[in-house]
């Protein structure tokens, strides 16, 4: 097939994940263009392009280089990683993946075979590690107040895993006298320095718990998607000229204050909560 932005890669990925064993070769468009000029066919259409591509293969026999094969491998590994990030855990072995890959891109290099197997084994090992951590996280629920989890997850966009991760980092939220103390602990406190008549903002003070800070940013991004009040707050800041990063930090700050108040008072979230 002719290389066309992400479309050709999408087709190869489709053949890969659907187990349709169709050999694929991506051809540089310039090769097809030169071939069409030799054939003296200046007019173009999808139908004619398809015919020209098929005719060119009788003369041009693609032989993918090692770099091309490695590039295809990286794409496939990237697809698997994306599935893992989305929570779609592959239910197949390294041999099965290798079999799919060999039939879709025509692997004939022993070196490439070893690289592919090695990369897949690493990915599957990481999946096993993720399973272990998921189990450990589930077990940690026993040491956490279930009601606190339910309170946090009452905010649209925050799931059980995020709530547990948050509580594991904070431990007992009641050890913080004020929301400001918790904000400083998380490292999302705005740094402001006075200079004459102006207040200069220097970002956030990142000396706090970086794991908690990361969890908060992930929670804030989801809350912006699913909770109208926080989304409105984010868009209002963007309309004032704030960068996406600055607006996200402000949302994380507001979210942390909200969670702190909810947990201290034992109350569940509602859009009118303040």
C-alpha atoms as a PDB file:
ATOM      1  CA  UNK A   1       0.000   0.000   0.000  1.00  0.00           C
ATOM      2  CA  UNK A   2       1.060   3.603  -0.562  1.00  0.00           C
ATOM      3  CA  UNK A   3       2.247   5.453   2.535  1.00  0.00           C
ATOM      4  CA  UNK A   4      -0.359   8.032   3.552  1.00  0.00           C
ATOM      5  CA  UNK A   5       0.112   9.670   6.945  1.00  0.00           C
ATOM      6  CA  UNK A   6      -1.393   7.403   9.641  1.00  0.00           C
ATOM      7  CA  UNK A   7      -3.832   5.551   7.367  1.00  0.00           C
ATOM      8  CA  UNK A   8      -1.377   2.900   6.148  1.00  0.00           C
ATOM      9  CA  UNK A   9      -0.134   2.294   9.706  1.00  0.00           C
ATOM     10  CA  UNK A  10      -3.739   1.968  10.869  1.00  0.00           C
ATOM     11  CA  UNK A  11      -4.418  -0.758   8.282  1.00  0.00           C
ATOM     12  CA  UNK A  12      -1.328  -2.723   9.318  1.00  0.00           C
ATOM     13  CA  UNK A  13      -2.426  -2.403  12.944  1.00  0.00           C
ATOM     14  CA  UNK A  14      -5.925  -3.588  11.965  1.00  0.00           C
ATOM     15  CA  UNK A  15      -4.534  -6.671  10.205  1.00  0.00           C
ATOM     16  CA  UNK A  16      -2.365  -7.311  13.255  1.00  0.00           C
ATOM     17  CA  UNK A  17      -5.008  -7.111  15.981  1.00  0.00           C
ATOM     18  CA  UNK A  18      -7.733  -8.870  13.991  1.00  0.00           C
ATOM     19  CA  UNK A  19      -5.436 -11.792  13.135  1.00  0.00           C
ATOM     20  CA  UNK A  20      -6.003 -11.308   9.406  1.00  0.00           C
ATOM     21  CA  UNK A  21      -2.750 -12.670   8.013  1.00  0.00           C
ATOM     22  CA  UNK A  22      -2.320 -10.329   5.059  1.00  0.00           C
ATOM     23  CA  UNK A  23       1.286  -9.482   4.094  1.00  0.00           C
ATOM     24  CA  UNK A  24       1.725  -5.711   3.979  1.00  0.00           C
ATOM     25  CA  UNK A  25       4.390  -3.514   2.419  1.00  0.00           C
ATOM     26  CA  UNK A  26       4.355   0.279   2.585  1.00  0.00           C
ATOM     27  CA  UNK A  27       5.635   1.926  -0.603  1.00  0.00           C
ATOM     28  CA  UNK A  28       7.029   5.435  -0.800  1.00  0.00           C
ATOM     29  CA  UNK A  29       4.584   7.648  -2.786  1.00  0.00           C
ATOM     30  CA  UNK A  30       7.472   9.078  -4.832  1.00  0.00           C
ATOM     31  CA  UNK A  31       8.142   5.606  -6.297  1.00  0.00           C
ATOM     32  CA  UNK A  32       4.518   5.319  -7.437  1.00  0.00           C
ATOM     33  CA  UNK A  33       4.647   8.857  -8.806  1.00  0.00           C
ATOM     34  CA  UNK A  34       7.745   8.086 -10.904  1.00  0.00           C
ATOM     35  CA  UNK A  35       6.171   4.863 -12.153  1.00  0.00           C
ATOM     36  CA  UNK A  36       2.983   6.678 -13.251  1.00  0.00           C
ATOM     37  CA  UNK A  37       5.090   9.190 -15.208  1.00  0.00           C
ATOM     38  CA  UNK A  38       6.912   6.357 -16.970  1.00  0.00           C
ATOM     39  CA  UNK A  39       3.514   4.866 -17.863  1.00  0.00           C
ATOM     40  CA  UNK A  40       2.500   8.277 -19.275  1.00  0.00           C
ATOM     41  CA  UNK A  41      -0.681   8.453 -17.204  1.00  0.00           C
ATOM     42  CA  UNK A  42      -0.967  12.007 -15.846  1.00  0.00           C
ATOM     43  CA  UNK A  43      -4.599  11.732 -14.707  1.00  0.00           C
ATOM     44  CA  UNK A  44      -5.311  10.678 -11.100  1.00  0.00           C
ATOM     45  CA  UNK A  45      -8.172   8.962  -9.303  1.00  0.00           C
ATOM     46  CA  UNK A  46      -8.440   6.439  -6.464  1.00  0.00           C
ATOM     47  CA  UNK A  47      -9.302   3.698  -8.938  1.00  0.00           C
ATOM     48  CA  UNK A  48      -6.380   4.521 -11.248  1.00  0.00           C
ATOM     49  CA  UNK A  49      -3.963   4.891  -8.322  1.00  0.00           C
ATOM     50  CA  UNK A  50      -4.870   1.403  -7.115  1.00  0.00           C
ATOM     51  CA  UNK A  51      -4.179  -0.032 -10.560  1.00  0.00           C
ATOM     52  CA  UNK A  52      -0.845   1.800 -10.862  1.00  0.00           C
ATOM     53  CA  UNK A  53       0.269   0.549  -7.429  1.00  0.00           C
ATOM     54  CA  UNK A  54      -0.575  -3.057  -8.362  1.00  0.00           C
ATOM     55  CA  UNK A  55       1.197  -2.736 -11.740  1.00  0.00           C
ATOM     56  CA  UNK A  56       4.288  -1.244 -10.125  1.00  0.00           C
ATOM     57  CA  UNK A  57       4.698  -4.347  -7.955  1.00  0.00           C
ATOM     58  CA  UNK A  58       5.407  -6.452 -11.054  1.00  0.00           C
ATOM     59  CA  UNK A  59       8.546  -4.359 -11.585  1.00  0.00           C
ATOM     60  CA  UNK A  60       9.380  -3.059  -8.117  1.00  0.00           C
ATOM     61  CA  UNK A  61       9.938  -5.838  -5.563  1.00  0.00           C
ATOM     62  CA  UNK A  62      10.062  -4.260  -2.105  1.00  0.00           C
ATOM     63  CA  UNK A  63      12.669  -5.701   0.220  1.00  0.00           C
ATOM     64  CA  UNK A  64      12.261  -4.072   3.617  1.00  0.00           C
ATOM     65  CA  UNK A  65      15.538  -3.036   5.218  1.00  0.00           C
ATOM     66  CA  UNK A  66      16.380  -3.773   8.835  1.00  0.00           C
ATOM     67  CA  UNK A  67      15.590  -0.172   9.769  1.00  0.00           C
ATOM     68  CA  UNK A  68      12.140  -0.471   8.171  1.00  0.00           C
ATOM     69  CA  UNK A  69      11.477  -3.679  10.064  1.00  0.00           C
ATOM     70  CA  UNK A  70      12.605  -2.120  13.315  1.00  0.00           C
ATOM     71  CA  UNK A  71      10.314   0.819  12.576  1.00  0.00           C
ATOM     72  CA  UNK A  72       7.373  -1.558  12.115  1.00  0.00           C
ATOM     73  CA  UNK A  73       8.325  -3.319  15.329  1.00  0.00           C
ATOM     74  CA  UNK A  74       8.341  -0.026  17.211  1.00  0.00           C
ATOM     75  CA  UNK A  75       4.870   0.747  15.880  1.00  0.00           C
ATOM     76  CA  UNK A  76       3.520  -2.611  17.026  1.00  0.00           C
ATOM     77  CA  UNK A  77       5.178  -2.286  20.427  1.00  0.00           C
ATOM     78  CA  UNK A  78       3.669   1.205  20.644  1.00  0.00           C
ATOM     79  CA  UNK A  79       0.193  -0.210  19.896  1.00  0.00           C
ATOM     80  CA  UNK A  80       0.616  -2.785  22.670  1.00  0.00           C
ATOM     81  CA  UNK A  81       1.801  -0.080  25.096  1.00  0.00           C
ATOM     82  CA  UNK A  82      -1.222   2.054  24.205  1.00  0.00           C
ATOM     83  CA  UNK A  83      -3.502  -0.899  24.952  1.00  0.00           C
ATOM     84  CA  UNK A  84      -1.776  -1.348  28.317  1.00  0.00           C
ATOM     85  CA  UNK A  85      -2.186   2.364  29.144  1.00  0.00           C
ATOM     86  CA  UNK A  86      -5.898   2.118  28.343  1.00  0.00           C
ATOM     87  CA  UNK A  87      -6.189  -0.888  30.624  1.00  0.00           C
ATOM     88  CA  UNK A  88      -6.614  -3.407  27.806  1.00  0.00           C
ATOM     89  CA  UNK A  89      -4.357  -6.224  28.959  1.00  0.00           C
ATOM     90  CA  UNK A  90      -3.328  -8.509  26.059  1.00  0.00           C
ATOM     91  CA  UNK A  91      -4.410 -12.110  26.657  1.00  0.00           C
ATOM     92  CA  UNK A  92      -1.823 -13.734  24.383  1.00  0.00           C
ATOM     93  CA  UNK A  93       1.703 -15.082  24.696  1.00  0.00           C
ATOM     94  CA  UNK A  94       4.907 -13.790  23.105  1.00  0.00           C
ATOM     95  CA  UNK A  95       4.776 -16.695  20.596  1.00  0.00           C
ATOM     96  CA  UNK A  96       1.288 -15.646  19.478  1.00  0.00           C
ATOM     97  CA  UNK A  97       2.337 -12.006  19.042  1.00  0.00           C
ATOM     98  CA  UNK A  98       5.432 -13.076  17.116  1.00  0.00           C
ATOM     99  CA  UNK A  99       3.296 -15.280  14.873  1.00  0.00           C
ATOM    100  CA  UNK A 100       0.945 -12.346  14.138  1.00  0.00           C
ATOM    101  CA  UNK A 101       3.864 -10.028  13.410  1.00  0.00           C
ATOM    102  CA  UNK A 102       5.714 -12.492  11.171  1.00  0.00           C
ATOM    103  CA  UNK A 103       2.635 -13.018   9.011  1.00  0.00           C
ATOM    104  CA  UNK A 104       1.805  -9.320   8.782  1.00  0.00           C
ATOM    105  CA  UNK A 105       5.226  -7.842   7.919  1.00  0.00           C
ATOM    106  CA  UNK A 106       7.173 -10.840   6.645  1.00  0.00           C
ATOM    107  CA  UNK A 107       9.967 -11.262   9.211  1.00  0.00           C
ATOM    108  CA  UNK A 108      12.925 -13.225   7.861  1.00  0.00           C
ATOM    109  CA  UNK A 109      15.733 -11.871  10.041  1.00  0.00           C
ATOM    110  CA  UNK A 110      16.955 -13.864  13.047  1.00  0.00           C
ATOM    111  CA  UNK A 111      18.223 -10.676  14.689  1.00  0.00           C
ATOM    112  CA  UNK A 112      14.868  -8.980  14.239  1.00  0.00           C
ATOM    113  CA  UNK A 113      13.117 -12.081  15.591  1.00  0.00           C
ATOM    114  CA  UNK A 114      15.223 -11.961  18.774  1.00  0.00           C
ATOM    115  CA  UNK A 115      14.596  -8.226  19.212  1.00  0.00           C
ATOM    116  CA  UNK A 116      10.852  -8.728  18.785  1.00  0.00           C
ATOM    117  CA  UNK A 117      10.720 -11.608  21.265  1.00  0.00           C
ATOM    118  CA  UNK A 118      12.814  -9.650  23.778  1.00  0.00           C
ATOM    119  CA  UNK A 119      10.594  -6.561  23.573  1.00  0.00           C
ATOM    120  CA  UNK A 120       7.416  -8.622  23.921  1.00  0.00           C
ATOM    121  CA  UNK A 121       8.788 -10.552  26.907  1.00  0.00           C
ATOM    122  CA  UNK A 122       9.565  -7.232  28.633  1.00  0.00           C
ATOM    123  CA  UNK A 123       6.018  -5.987  27.971  1.00  0.00           C
ATOM    124  CA  UNK A 124       4.440  -9.175  29.301  1.00  0.00           C
ATOM    125  CA  UNK A 125       6.699  -9.005  32.369  1.00  0.00           C
ATOM    126  CA  UNK A 126       5.516  -5.445  32.984  1.00  0.00           C
ATOM    127  CA  UNK A 127       1.926  -6.675  32.708  1.00  0.00           C
ATOM    128  CA  UNK A 128       2.629  -9.265  35.407  1.00  0.00           C
ATOM    129  CA  UNK A 129       4.128  -6.541  37.596  1.00  0.00           C
ATOM    130  CA  UNK A 130       1.026  -4.394  37.031  1.00  0.00           C
ATOM    131  CA  UNK A 131      -1.154  -7.305  38.157  1.00  0.00           C
ATOM    132  CA  UNK A 132       0.927  -7.677  41.328  1.00  0.00           C
ATOM    133  CA  UNK A 133       0.615  -3.990  42.135  1.00  0.00           C
ATOM    134  CA  UNK A 134      -3.133  -4.090  41.453  1.00  0.00           C
ATOM    135  CA  UNK A 135      -3.464  -6.930  43.967  1.00  0.00           C
ATOM    136  CA  UNK A 136      -1.341  -5.082  46.534  1.00  0.00           C
ATOM    137  CA  UNK A 137      -3.455  -1.984  45.987  1.00  0.00           C
ATOM    138  CA  UNK A 138      -6.651  -3.975  46.488  1.00  0.00           C
ATOM    139  CA  UNK A 139      -5.266  -5.483  49.698  1.00  0.00           C
ATOM    140  CA  UNK A 140      -4.391  -2.015  50.989  1.00  0.00           C
ATOM    141  CA  UNK A 141      -8.111  -1.167  50.996  1.00  0.00           C
ATOM    142  CA  UNK A 142      -8.361  -3.137  54.242  1.00  0.00           C
ATOM    143  CA  UNK A 143      -6.173  -0.532  55.935  1.00  0.00           C
ATOM    144  CA  UNK A 144      -8.116   2.424  54.517  1.00  0.00           C
ATOM    145  CA  UNK A 145     -11.466   3.732  55.629  1.00  0.00           C
ATOM    146  CA  UNK A 146     -13.936   2.516  52.979  1.00  0.00           C
ATOM    147  CA  UNK A 147     -16.110   5.557  53.598  1.00  0.00           C
ATOM    148  CA  UNK A 148     -13.230   7.859  52.583  1.00  0.00           C
ATOM    149  CA  UNK A 149     -12.953   6.015  49.261  1.00  0.00           C
ATOM    150  CA  UNK A 150     -16.691   6.375  48.662  1.00  0.00           C
ATOM    151  CA  UNK A 151     -16.540  10.098  49.466  1.00  0.00           C
ATOM    152  CA  UNK A 152     -13.708  10.767  46.998  1.00  0.00           C
ATOM    153  CA  UNK A 153     -15.260   8.652  44.229  1.00  0.00           C
ATOM    154  CA  UNK A 154     -18.501  10.630  44.572  1.00  0.00           C
ATOM    155  CA  UNK A 155     -16.698  13.306  42.515  1.00  0.00           C
ATOM    156  CA  UNK A 156     -17.387  12.548  38.806  1.00  0.00           C
ATOM    157  CA  UNK A 157     -14.201  11.476  37.026  1.00  0.00           C
ATOM    158  CA  UNK A 158     -12.420   9.980  40.043  1.00  0.00           C
ATOM    159  CA  UNK A 159     -12.285   6.189  40.156  1.00  0.00           C
ATOM    160  CA  UNK A 160     -11.576   3.745  42.955  1.00  0.00           C
ATOM    161  CA  UNK A 161      -7.924   3.187  42.001  1.00  0.00           C
ATOM    162  CA  UNK A 162      -7.196   6.935  41.997  1.00  0.00           C
ATOM    163  CA  UNK A 163      -8.971   7.367  45.336  1.00  0.00           C
ATOM    164  CA  UNK A 164      -6.980   4.540  46.946  1.00  0.00           C
ATOM    165  CA  UNK A 165      -3.699   5.864  45.503  1.00  0.00           C
ATOM    166  CA  UNK A 166      -4.527   9.325  46.863  1.00  0.00           C
ATOM    167  CA  UNK A 167      -5.330   8.001  50.348  1.00  0.00           C
ATOM    168  CA  UNK A 168      -2.205   5.811  50.402  1.00  0.00           C
ATOM    169  CA  UNK A 169      -0.047   8.901  49.795  1.00  0.00           C
ATOM    170  CA  UNK A 170      -1.945  11.180  52.199  1.00  0.00           C
ATOM    171  CA  UNK A 171      -2.448   8.461  54.867  1.00  0.00           C
ATOM    172  CA  UNK A 172      -4.569  10.184  57.538  1.00  0.00           C
ATOM    173  CA  UNK A 173      -5.886  13.439  56.086  1.00  0.00           C
ATOM    174  CA  UNK A 174      -6.825  14.591  59.581  1.00  0.00           C
ATOM    175  CA  UNK A 175      -3.143  15.081  60.407  1.00  0.00           C
ATOM    176  CA  UNK A 176      -3.272  18.233  58.254  1.00  0.00           C
ATOM    177  CA  UNK A 177      -4.733  21.139  60.211  1.00  0.00           C
ATOM    178  CA  UNK A 178      -5.711  23.103  57.118  1.00  0.00           C
ATOM    179  CA  UNK A 179      -6.152  22.524  53.404  1.00  0.00           C
ATOM    180  CA  UNK A 180      -3.139  24.812  52.846  1.00  0.00           C
ATOM    181  CA  UNK A 181      -0.904  22.364  54.701  1.00  0.00           C
ATOM    182  CA  UNK A 182      -2.073  19.519  52.453  1.00  0.00           C
ATOM    183  CA  UNK A 183      -1.503  21.663  49.344  1.00  0.00           C
ATOM    184  CA  UNK A 184       2.062  22.372  50.491  1.00  0.00           C
ATOM    185  CA  UNK A 185       2.594  18.658  51.183  1.00  0.00           C
ATOM    186  CA  UNK A 186       1.457  17.842  47.636  1.00  0.00           C
ATOM    187  CA  UNK A 187       3.793  20.469  46.173  1.00  0.00           C
ATOM    188  CA  UNK A 188       1.154  22.423  44.250  1.00  0.00           C
ATOM    189  CA  UNK A 189       1.343  25.612  46.302  1.00  0.00           C
ATOM    190  CA  UNK A 190       1.778  28.689  44.048  1.00  0.00           C
ATOM    191  CA  UNK A 191       5.062  30.551  44.610  1.00  0.00           C
ATOM    192  CA  UNK A 192       4.481  34.318  44.722  1.00  0.00           C
ATOM    193  CA  UNK A 193       7.247  36.886  45.233  1.00  0.00           C
ATOM    194  CA  UNK A 194       6.532  40.554  45.779  1.00  0.00           C
ATOM    195  CA  UNK A 195       8.588  42.954  43.678  1.00  0.00           C
ATOM    196  CA  UNK A 196       7.735  46.599  44.270  1.00  0.00           C
ATOM    197  CA  UNK A 197       4.058  46.989  43.525  1.00  0.00           C
ATOM    198  CA  UNK A 198       3.795  43.743  41.600  1.00  0.00           C
ATOM    199  CA  UNK A 199       3.301  40.136  42.667  1.00  0.00           C
ATOM    200  CA  UNK A 200       5.423  37.837  40.532  1.00  0.00           C
ATOM    201  CA  UNK A 201       4.140  34.256  40.190  1.00  0.00           C
ATOM    202  CA  UNK A 202       6.922  31.681  39.801  1.00  0.00           C
ATOM    203  CA  UNK A 203       4.901  28.501  39.275  1.00  0.00           C
ATOM    204  CA  UNK A 204       4.474  25.911  42.027  1.00  0.00           C
ATOM    205  CA  UNK A 205       6.685  24.834  44.907  1.00  0.00           C
ATOM    206  CA  UNK A 206       7.679  21.294  43.896  1.00  0.00           C
ATOM    207  CA  UNK A 207       9.283  20.224  47.174  1.00  0.00           C
ATOM    208  CA  UNK A 208       6.283  18.159  48.231  1.00  0.00           C
ATOM    209  CA  UNK A 209       5.216  14.578  47.537  1.00  0.00           C
ATOM    210  CA  UNK A 210       5.746  14.138  43.781  1.00  0.00           C
ATOM    211  CA  UNK A 211       3.715  10.904  43.685  1.00  0.00           C
ATOM    212  CA  UNK A 212       0.736  12.644  45.258  1.00  0.00           C
ATOM    213  CA  UNK A 213       1.200  15.576  42.867  1.00  0.00           C
ATOM    214  CA  UNK A 214       1.100  13.235  39.858  1.00  0.00           C
ATOM    215  CA  UNK A 215      -2.056  11.521  41.174  1.00  0.00           C
ATOM    216  CA  UNK A 216      -3.706  14.917  41.682  1.00  0.00           C
ATOM    217  CA  UNK A 217      -2.928  16.060  38.137  1.00  0.00           C
ATOM    218  CA  UNK A 218      -4.389  12.837  36.706  1.00  0.00           C
ATOM    219  CA  UNK A 219      -7.485  13.244  38.866  1.00  0.00           C
ATOM    220  CA  UNK A 220      -7.799  16.908  37.850  1.00  0.00           C
ATOM    221  CA  UNK A 221      -7.649  16.028  34.132  1.00  0.00           C
ATOM    222  CA  UNK A 222     -10.458  13.487  34.544  1.00  0.00           C
ATOM    223  CA  UNK A 223     -12.565  15.803  36.690  1.00  0.00           C
ATOM    224  CA  UNK A 224     -12.316  18.514  34.008  1.00  0.00           C
ATOM    225  CA  UNK A 225     -13.772  16.003  31.532  1.00  0.00           C
ATOM    226  CA  UNK A 226     -16.631  14.705  33.654  1.00  0.00           C
ATOM    227  CA  UNK A 227     -17.580  17.391  36.205  1.00  0.00           C
ATOM    228  CA  UNK A 228     -19.206  20.568  34.916  1.00  0.00           C
ATOM    229  CA  UNK A 229     -18.176  22.904  37.737  1.00  0.00           C
ATOM    230  CA  UNK A 230     -14.471  22.098  37.427  1.00  0.00           C
ATOM    231  CA  UNK A 231     -14.638  22.192  33.630  1.00  0.00           C
ATOM    232  CA  UNK A 232     -16.227  25.638  33.787  1.00  0.00           C
ATOM    233  CA  UNK A 233     -13.487  26.793  36.187  1.00  0.00           C
ATOM    234  CA  UNK A 234     -10.764  25.461  33.853  1.00  0.00           C
ATOM    235  CA  UNK A 235     -12.278  27.127  30.755  1.00  0.00           C
ATOM    236  CA  UNK A 236     -12.716  30.423  32.612  1.00  0.00           C
ATOM    237  CA  UNK A 237      -8.994  30.462  33.458  1.00  0.00           C
ATOM    238  CA  UNK A 238      -8.082  29.631  29.858  1.00  0.00           C
ATOM    239  CA  UNK A 239     -10.306  32.489  28.645  1.00  0.00           C
ATOM    240  CA  UNK A 240      -8.365  34.852  30.915  1.00  0.00           C
ATOM    241  CA  UNK A 241      -5.184  33.910  29.089  1.00  0.00           C
ATOM    242  CA  UNK A 242      -3.837  31.275  31.486  1.00  0.00           C
ATOM    243  CA  UNK A 243      -1.879  28.421  29.910  1.00  0.00           C
ATOM    244  CA  UNK A 244      -3.327  24.892  30.023  1.00  0.00           C
ATOM    245  CA  UNK A 245      -0.667  23.919  32.565  1.00  0.00           C
ATOM    246  CA  UNK A 246      -1.416  26.874  34.870  1.00  0.00           C
ATOM    247  CA  UNK A 247      -5.162  26.238  34.601  1.00  0.00           C
ATOM    248  CA  UNK A 248      -4.658  22.526  35.390  1.00  0.00           C
ATOM    249  CA  UNK A 249      -2.586  23.391  38.483  1.00  0.00           C
ATOM    250  CA  UNK A 250      -5.376  25.711  39.647  1.00  0.00           C
ATOM    251  CA  UNK A 251      -7.951  22.930  39.124  1.00  0.00           C
ATOM    252  CA  UNK A 252      -5.761  20.457  41.060  1.00  0.00           C
ATOM    253  CA  UNK A 253      -5.490  23.024  43.864  1.00  0.00           C
ATOM    254  CA  UNK A 254      -9.259  23.561  43.946  1.00  0.00           C
ATOM    255  CA  UNK A 255      -9.878  19.805  43.769  1.00  0.00           C
ATOM    256  CA  UNK A 256      -7.547  19.131  46.701  1.00  0.00           C
ATOM    257  CA  UNK A 257      -9.285  21.776  48.815  1.00  0.00           C
ATOM    258  CA  UNK A 258     -12.644  20.212  47.940  1.00  0.00           C
ATOM    259  CA  UNK A 259     -11.505  16.671  48.805  1.00  0.00           C
ATOM    260  CA  UNK A 260      -9.982  17.885  52.081  1.00  0.00           C
ATOM    261  CA  UNK A 261     -13.222  19.589  53.125  1.00  0.00           C
ATOM    262  CA  UNK A 262     -15.346  16.584  52.108  1.00  0.00           C
ATOM    263  CA  UNK A 263     -13.205  14.112  54.071  1.00  0.00           C
ATOM    264  CA  UNK A 264     -12.985  16.330  57.160  1.00  0.00           C
ATOM    265  CA  UNK A 265     -16.767  16.810  57.244  1.00  0.00           C
ATOM    266  CA  UNK A 266     -17.617  13.309  55.997  1.00  0.00           C
ATOM    267  CA  UNK A 267     -19.825  14.686  53.217  1.00  0.00           C
ATOM    268  CA  UNK A 268     -20.326  13.462  49.654  1.00  0.00           C
ATOM    269  CA  UNK A 269     -19.894  15.617  46.560  1.00  0.00           C
ATOM    270  CA  UNK A 270     -22.614  17.616  44.862  1.00  0.00           C
ATOM    271  CA  UNK A 271     -22.278  20.282  42.129  1.00  0.00           C
ATOM    272  CA  UNK A 272     -23.191  22.950  44.711  1.00  0.00           C
ATOM    273  CA  UNK A 273     -20.525  21.775  47.154  1.00  0.00           C
ATOM    274  CA  UNK A 274     -18.268  24.558  48.429  1.00  0.00           C
END
